[in-house]
């Protein structure tokens, strides 16, 4: 799912390939879990989020997680935890 987010941010074809192949690997590893939907959600979150490569993380962390998520337009993932539960 992280690869889907990173692909949306960078648009690098290699990241897209990784997202696609990991999606199928995870779907086989966790049958019945919403893997495909979680990867799509990660991609959409990456497209909506601010460009993370330019963030000064050391300075940003003092604002707390909720403030940082709001500033960077990062909604918490909904499906990731359902896929990775009891991994």
N, C-alpha and C. Protein backbone atom coordinates (compact mmCIF):
# COMPACT_ATOMS: atom_id res chain seq x y z
N UNK A 1 0.81 -1.17 0.00
CA UNK A 1 0.00 0.00 0.00
C UNK A 1 0.87 1.26 0.00
N UNK A 2 1.98 1.18 0.68
CA UNK A 2 2.89 2.31 0.69
C UNK A 2 3.37 2.62 -0.73
N UNK A 3 3.59 1.58 -1.52
CA UNK A 3 4.05 1.81 -2.90
C UNK A 3 2.98 2.54 -3.71
N UNK A 4 1.71 2.28 -3.45
CA UNK A 4 0.64 3.00 -4.13
C UNK A 4 0.64 4.47 -3.78
N UNK A 5 0.87 4.77 -2.51
CA UNK A 5 0.96 6.15 -2.06
C UNK A 5 2.15 6.85 -2.70
N UNK A 6 3.30 6.18 -2.69
CA UNK A 6 4.53 6.78 -3.24
C UNK A 6 4.41 6.95 -4.75
N UNK A 7 3.76 6.01 -5.43
CA UNK A 7 3.56 6.16 -6.87
C UNK A 7 2.72 7.41 -7.17
N UNK A 8 1.67 7.62 -6.39
CA UNK A 8 0.84 8.80 -6.59
C UNK A 8 1.64 10.08 -6.38
N UNK A 9 2.58 10.06 -5.45
CA UNK A 9 3.39 11.24 -5.17
C UNK A 9 4.43 11.48 -6.27
N UNK A 10 5.10 10.43 -6.72
CA UNK A 10 6.24 10.59 -7.62
C UNK A 10 5.91 10.34 -9.09
N UNK A 11 4.89 9.54 -9.36
CA UNK A 11 4.53 9.12 -10.72
C UNK A 11 5.67 8.36 -11.40
N UNK A 12 6.53 7.78 -10.62
CA UNK A 12 7.64 7.00 -11.16
C UNK A 12 7.13 5.62 -11.56
N UNK A 13 7.38 5.19 -12.80
CA UNK A 13 6.84 3.91 -13.26
C UNK A 13 7.29 2.72 -12.41
N UNK A 14 8.50 2.78 -11.88
CA UNK A 14 8.97 1.69 -11.02
C UNK A 14 8.13 1.54 -9.77
N UNK A 15 7.75 2.65 -9.20
CA UNK A 15 6.88 2.60 -8.02
C UNK A 15 5.50 2.05 -8.38
N UNK A 16 5.01 2.41 -9.56
CA UNK A 16 3.74 1.87 -10.02
C UNK A 16 3.81 0.36 -10.19
N UNK A 17 4.91 -0.11 -10.75
CA UNK A 17 5.11 -1.54 -10.92
C UNK A 17 5.14 -2.24 -9.55
N UNK A 18 5.86 -1.66 -8.59
CA UNK A 18 5.91 -2.24 -7.25
C UNK A 18 4.53 -2.28 -6.60
N UNK A 19 3.78 -1.21 -6.74
CA UNK A 19 2.43 -1.18 -6.16
C UNK A 19 1.56 -2.27 -6.77
N UNK A 20 1.65 -2.42 -8.06
CA UNK A 20 0.84 -3.42 -8.76
C UNK A 20 1.23 -4.83 -8.34
N UNK A 21 2.52 -5.14 -8.31
CA UNK A 21 2.95 -6.50 -7.96
C UNK A 21 2.71 -6.80 -6.48
N UNK A 22 2.96 -5.83 -5.60
CA UNK A 22 2.70 -6.06 -4.17
C UNK A 22 1.22 -6.25 -3.89
N UNK A 23 0.38 -5.58 -4.66
CA UNK A 23 -1.06 -5.74 -4.48
C UNK A 23 -1.46 -7.19 -4.71
N UNK A 24 -0.93 -7.80 -5.77
CA UNK A 24 -1.27 -9.20 -6.04
C UNK A 24 -0.65 -10.14 -5.01
N UNK A 25 0.57 -9.84 -4.59
CA UNK A 25 1.21 -10.69 -3.57
C UNK A 25 0.42 -10.65 -2.26
N UNK A 26 0.04 -9.46 -1.83
CA UNK A 26 -0.72 -9.34 -0.58
C UNK A 26 -2.10 -9.96 -0.70
N UNK A 27 -2.72 -9.85 -1.88
CA UNK A 27 -4.04 -10.44 -2.07
C UNK A 27 -3.98 -11.96 -1.94
N UNK A 28 -2.90 -12.57 -2.42
CA UNK A 28 -2.73 -14.01 -2.24
C UNK A 28 -2.42 -14.36 -0.79
N UNK A 29 -1.65 -13.51 -0.13
CA UNK A 29 -1.25 -13.76 1.25
C UNK A 29 -2.42 -13.57 2.22
N UNK A 30 -3.31 -12.63 1.92
CA UNK A 30 -4.43 -12.33 2.80
C UNK A 30 -5.75 -12.43 2.04
N UNK A 31 -6.17 -13.65 1.67
CA UNK A 31 -7.41 -13.78 0.90
C UNK A 31 -8.61 -13.28 1.71
N UNK A 32 -9.51 -12.64 1.02
CA UNK A 32 -10.72 -12.13 1.66
C UNK A 32 -10.58 -10.75 2.29
N UNK A 33 -9.37 -10.21 2.28
CA UNK A 33 -9.17 -8.86 2.83
C UNK A 33 -9.15 -7.85 1.68
N UNK A 34 -9.54 -6.61 1.95
CA UNK A 34 -9.68 -5.62 0.88
C UNK A 34 -8.34 -5.01 0.41
N UNK A 35 -7.46 -5.87 -0.10
CA UNK A 35 -6.12 -5.43 -0.49
C UNK A 35 -6.19 -4.44 -1.65
N UNK A 36 -6.91 -4.80 -2.70
CA UNK A 36 -6.99 -3.92 -3.88
C UNK A 36 -7.57 -2.55 -3.49
N UNK A 37 -8.62 -2.57 -2.70
CA UNK A 37 -9.23 -1.31 -2.26
C UNK A 37 -8.27 -0.49 -1.40
N UNK A 38 -7.45 -1.16 -0.60
CA UNK A 38 -6.48 -0.46 0.25
C UNK A 38 -5.39 0.19 -0.58
N UNK A 39 -4.96 -0.48 -1.64
CA UNK A 39 -3.94 0.10 -2.52
C UNK A 39 -4.51 1.31 -3.26
N UNK A 40 -5.74 1.19 -3.72
CA UNK A 40 -6.39 2.32 -4.40
C UNK A 40 -6.57 3.48 -3.42
N UNK A 41 -6.96 3.17 -2.19
CA UNK A 41 -7.08 4.21 -1.17
C UNK A 41 -5.73 4.90 -0.93
N UNK A 42 -4.67 4.12 -0.85
CA UNK A 42 -3.33 4.68 -0.65
C UNK A 42 -2.95 5.59 -1.81
N UNK A 43 -3.25 5.16 -3.03
CA UNK A 43 -2.97 5.99 -4.21
C UNK A 43 -3.73 7.32 -4.12
N UNK A 44 -4.99 7.26 -3.78
CA UNK A 44 -5.80 8.49 -3.69
C UNK A 44 -5.30 9.40 -2.57
N UNK A 45 -4.90 8.81 -1.46
CA UNK A 45 -4.34 9.60 -0.37
C UNK A 45 -3.06 10.30 -0.82
N UNK A 46 -2.23 9.59 -1.59
CA UNK A 46 -1.00 10.17 -2.10
C UNK A 46 -1.24 11.30 -3.08
N UNK A 47 -2.27 11.17 -3.92
CA UNK A 47 -2.60 12.23 -4.88
C UNK A 47 -3.13 13.47 -4.17
N UNK A 48 -3.86 13.27 -3.11
CA UNK A 48 -4.46 14.40 -2.38
C UNK A 48 -3.46 15.08 -1.44
N UNK A 49 -2.49 14.33 -0.95
CA UNK A 49 -1.56 14.86 0.05
C UNK A 49 -0.60 15.88 -0.55
N UNK A 50 -0.07 16.71 0.31
CA UNK A 50 0.98 17.65 -0.11
C UNK A 50 2.22 16.85 -0.51
N UNK A 51 3.10 17.49 -1.26
CA UNK A 51 4.35 16.86 -1.70
C UNK A 51 5.23 16.61 -0.47
N UNK A 52 5.44 15.36 -0.12
CA UNK A 52 6.13 15.01 1.12
C UNK A 52 7.65 15.09 1.02
N UNK A 53 8.19 15.14 -0.18
CA UNK A 53 9.65 15.18 -0.34
C UNK A 53 10.25 16.48 0.19
N UNK A 54 9.46 17.55 0.22
CA UNK A 54 9.99 18.85 0.63
C UNK A 54 9.69 19.20 2.09
N UNK A 55 9.14 18.26 2.84
CA UNK A 55 8.78 18.53 4.23
C UNK A 55 10.03 18.46 5.10
N UNK A 56 10.20 19.45 5.96
CA UNK A 56 11.26 19.43 6.96
C UNK A 56 10.72 18.68 8.18
N UNK A 57 10.97 17.38 8.22
CA UNK A 57 10.34 16.51 9.21
C UNK A 57 10.73 16.87 10.64
N UNK A 58 11.96 17.25 10.87
CA UNK A 58 12.39 17.56 12.23
C UNK A 58 11.59 18.73 12.79
N UNK A 59 11.34 19.73 11.98
CA UNK A 59 10.57 20.90 12.43
C UNK A 59 9.08 20.59 12.49
N UNK A 60 8.62 19.75 11.60
CA UNK A 60 7.18 19.47 11.51
C UNK A 60 6.66 18.61 12.64
N UNK A 61 7.49 17.76 13.20
CA UNK A 61 7.02 16.83 14.22
C UNK A 61 6.60 17.50 15.52
N UNK A 62 7.04 18.71 15.75
CA UNK A 62 6.66 19.40 16.98
C UNK A 62 5.19 19.80 16.98
N UNK A 63 4.52 19.74 15.84
CA UNK A 63 3.10 20.10 15.76
C UNK A 63 2.18 18.95 16.11
N UNK A 64 2.71 17.78 16.33
CA UNK A 64 1.88 16.61 16.65
C UNK A 64 1.31 15.97 15.39
N UNK A 65 0.91 14.73 15.53
CA UNK A 65 0.45 13.95 14.39
C UNK A 65 -0.82 14.53 13.77
N UNK A 66 -1.79 14.92 14.59
CA UNK A 66 -3.04 15.45 14.03
C UNK A 66 -2.81 16.75 13.27
N UNK A 67 -2.01 17.64 13.83
CA UNK A 67 -1.71 18.90 13.16
C UNK A 67 -0.93 18.68 11.88
N UNK A 68 -0.01 17.74 11.92
CA UNK A 68 0.79 17.44 10.73
C UNK A 68 -0.07 16.83 9.63
N UNK A 69 -0.95 15.93 10.00
CA UNK A 69 -1.86 15.34 9.01
C UNK A 69 -2.74 16.41 8.36
N UNK A 70 -3.21 17.34 9.16
CA UNK A 70 -4.06 18.40 8.61
C UNK A 70 -3.26 19.29 7.66
N UNK A 71 -2.06 19.67 8.06
CA UNK A 71 -1.23 20.53 7.24
C UNK A 71 -0.87 19.86 5.91
N UNK A 72 -0.57 18.58 5.96
CA UNK A 72 -0.13 17.85 4.76
C UNK A 72 -1.29 17.21 4.00
N UNK A 73 -2.51 17.43 4.46
CA UNK A 73 -3.71 16.85 3.84
C UNK A 73 -3.63 15.32 3.79
N UNK A 74 -3.23 14.74 4.90
CA UNK A 74 -3.10 13.28 5.01
C UNK A 74 -4.21 12.72 5.89
N UNK A 75 -5.23 12.20 5.27
CA UNK A 75 -6.29 11.55 6.04
C UNK A 75 -5.75 10.21 6.55
N UNK A 76 -6.15 9.79 7.72
CA UNK A 76 -5.71 8.47 8.21
C UNK A 76 -6.22 7.37 7.28
N UNK A 77 -5.46 6.33 7.09
CA UNK A 77 -5.93 5.23 6.23
C UNK A 77 -7.08 4.50 6.89
N UNK A 78 -8.08 4.12 6.11
CA UNK A 78 -9.21 3.37 6.65
C UNK A 78 -9.01 1.86 6.45
N UNK A 79 -8.49 1.47 5.31
CA UNK A 79 -8.45 0.04 4.96
C UNK A 79 -7.14 -0.65 5.32
N UNK A 80 -6.07 0.08 5.48
CA UNK A 80 -4.76 -0.51 5.74
C UNK A 80 -4.81 -1.45 6.95
N UNK A 81 -5.39 -1.00 8.03
CA UNK A 81 -5.41 -1.80 9.26
C UNK A 81 -6.26 -3.05 9.11
N UNK A 82 -7.30 -2.98 8.27
CA UNK A 82 -8.13 -4.18 8.02
C UNK A 82 -7.33 -5.22 7.24
N UNK A 83 -6.48 -4.79 6.34
CA UNK A 83 -5.67 -5.72 5.55
C UNK A 83 -4.57 -6.33 6.42
N UNK A 84 -3.92 -5.51 7.22
CA UNK A 84 -2.73 -5.95 7.95
C UNK A 84 -3.04 -6.47 9.36
N UNK A 85 -4.28 -6.52 9.77
CA UNK A 85 -4.64 -7.02 11.09
C UNK A 85 -4.20 -8.47 11.26
N UNK A 86 -3.65 -8.78 12.39
CA UNK A 86 -3.21 -10.16 12.71
C UNK A 86 -2.23 -10.69 11.68
N UNK A 87 -1.37 -9.85 11.21
CA UNK A 87 -0.39 -10.25 10.19
C UNK A 87 0.59 -11.22 10.71
